[in-house]
Protein backbone atom coordinates (compact mmCIF):
# COMPACT_ATOMS: atom_id res chain seq x y z
CA MET A 1 132.20 127.14 114.93
CA MET A 2 133.02 128.75 111.50
CA ILE A 3 135.97 126.64 111.08
CA MET A 4 133.95 123.58 111.55
CA ASP A 5 131.24 125.11 109.21
CA ARG A 6 133.80 125.53 106.53
CA TYR A 7 135.23 121.86 107.10
CA GLN A 8 131.65 120.65 106.58
CA GLU A 9 131.29 122.70 103.63
CA ARG A 10 134.56 121.39 101.98
CA ARG A 11 133.77 117.95 103.06
CA ALA A 12 130.49 117.93 101.01
CA GLU A 13 132.04 119.71 97.94
CA ILE A 14 135.00 116.87 97.89
CA SER A 15 132.24 114.28 98.29
CA GLN A 16 129.89 115.50 95.51
CA THR A 17 132.84 116.27 93.01
CA THR A 18 134.31 112.82 93.48
CA LYS A 19 130.77 111.29 92.68
CA GLU A 20 130.55 113.36 89.44
CA LEU A 21 134.26 112.24 88.63
CA LEU A 22 133.55 108.66 89.11
CA GLN A 23 130.99 108.59 86.56
CA PRO A 24 131.60 105.77 84.07
CA ILE A 25 132.63 106.40 80.77
CA TRP A 26 131.36 103.95 78.01
CA PRO A 27 132.87 102.48 75.27
CA ASN A 28 130.25 104.13 72.83
CA ASP A 29 131.20 107.71 74.29
CA PRO A 30 132.91 110.13 71.95
CA PRO A 31 136.82 109.86 71.56
CA SER A 32 136.94 112.73 73.93
CA GLY A 33 136.27 110.43 76.61
CA LYS A 34 139.85 109.12 76.85
CA SER A 35 141.05 112.68 77.64
CA ASP A 36 137.98 113.40 79.72
CA MET A 37 139.30 110.15 81.68
CA ASP A 38 142.91 111.85 82.02
CA ALA A 39 141.20 115.03 83.56
CA ARG A 40 139.18 113.07 85.88
CA CYS A 41 142.10 111.28 87.05
CA THR A 42 144.32 114.47 87.53
CA ALA A 43 141.23 116.08 89.51
CA LEU A 44 140.42 112.75 91.74
CA ALA A 45 144.40 113.03 92.69
CA VAL A 46 144.07 116.59 93.50
CA LEU A 47 140.72 115.81 95.58
CA SER A 48 142.52 112.86 97.32
CA GLU A 49 145.47 115.11 98.34
CA THR A 50 142.96 117.78 99.81
CA ALA A 51 141.24 114.98 101.68
CA CYS A 52 144.38 113.80 103.11
CA ALA A 53 145.61 117.21 104.13
CA GLN A 54 142.27 117.86 105.91
CA ILE A 55 142.69 114.71 107.86
CA ASN A 56 146.02 115.49 108.74
CA ALA A 57 145.06 118.66 110.06
CA GLN A 58 142.13 117.61 112.16
CA THR A 59 144.42 114.88 113.37
CA ARG A 60 146.93 117.09 114.60
CA ARG A 61 144.11 119.21 116.05
CA VAL A 62 143.19 116.35 118.18
CA LEU A 63 146.75 115.53 119.36
CA ASN A 64 147.47 118.72 120.23
CA THR A 65 144.83 118.97 122.89
CA TYR A 66 146.70 116.31 124.93
CA ARG A 67 149.86 116.82 126.60
CA ASP A 68 150.90 113.23 126.23
CA THR A 69 150.46 113.46 122.07
CA ALA A 70 151.24 117.18 121.29
CA ALA A 71 154.65 116.26 120.13
CA MET A 72 153.68 112.86 118.22
CA PRO A 73 154.22 113.01 114.80
CA VAL A 74 150.89 112.13 112.82
CA ARG A 75 152.55 109.30 111.05
CA LYS A 76 153.40 107.58 114.36
CA PHE A 77 149.65 107.95 115.81
CA ARG A 78 148.38 106.59 112.40
CA GLU A 79 150.69 103.73 112.73
CA MET A 80 149.92 103.02 116.49
CA ALA A 81 146.18 103.16 115.55
CA TYR A 82 146.48 100.63 112.61
CA GLU A 83 148.30 98.68 114.69
CA ASP A 84 145.60 98.31 117.28
CA LEU A 85 143.04 97.67 114.66
CA ILE A 86 145.32 94.81 113.05
CA GLU A 87 145.60 93.25 116.50
CA SER A 88 142.11 93.25 117.50
């Protein structure tokens, strides 16, 4: 339960930080806006990588619970799921 609680906390942190970083920079903002935007892009890239890693870890956990999917790579599972979405 502690793992899931931490997962929920981290997800909320990432969501809140993303909302803050996606605030617009207006033309009349000071020149530091450009460097601020560069910093935002870097932070968003890190957040994206973190979120993807967490999704992969959770997917791996689910796959590991079934004998038929325990050896399946996460990428293969995603490809199969994507094909199912397209076909439906």
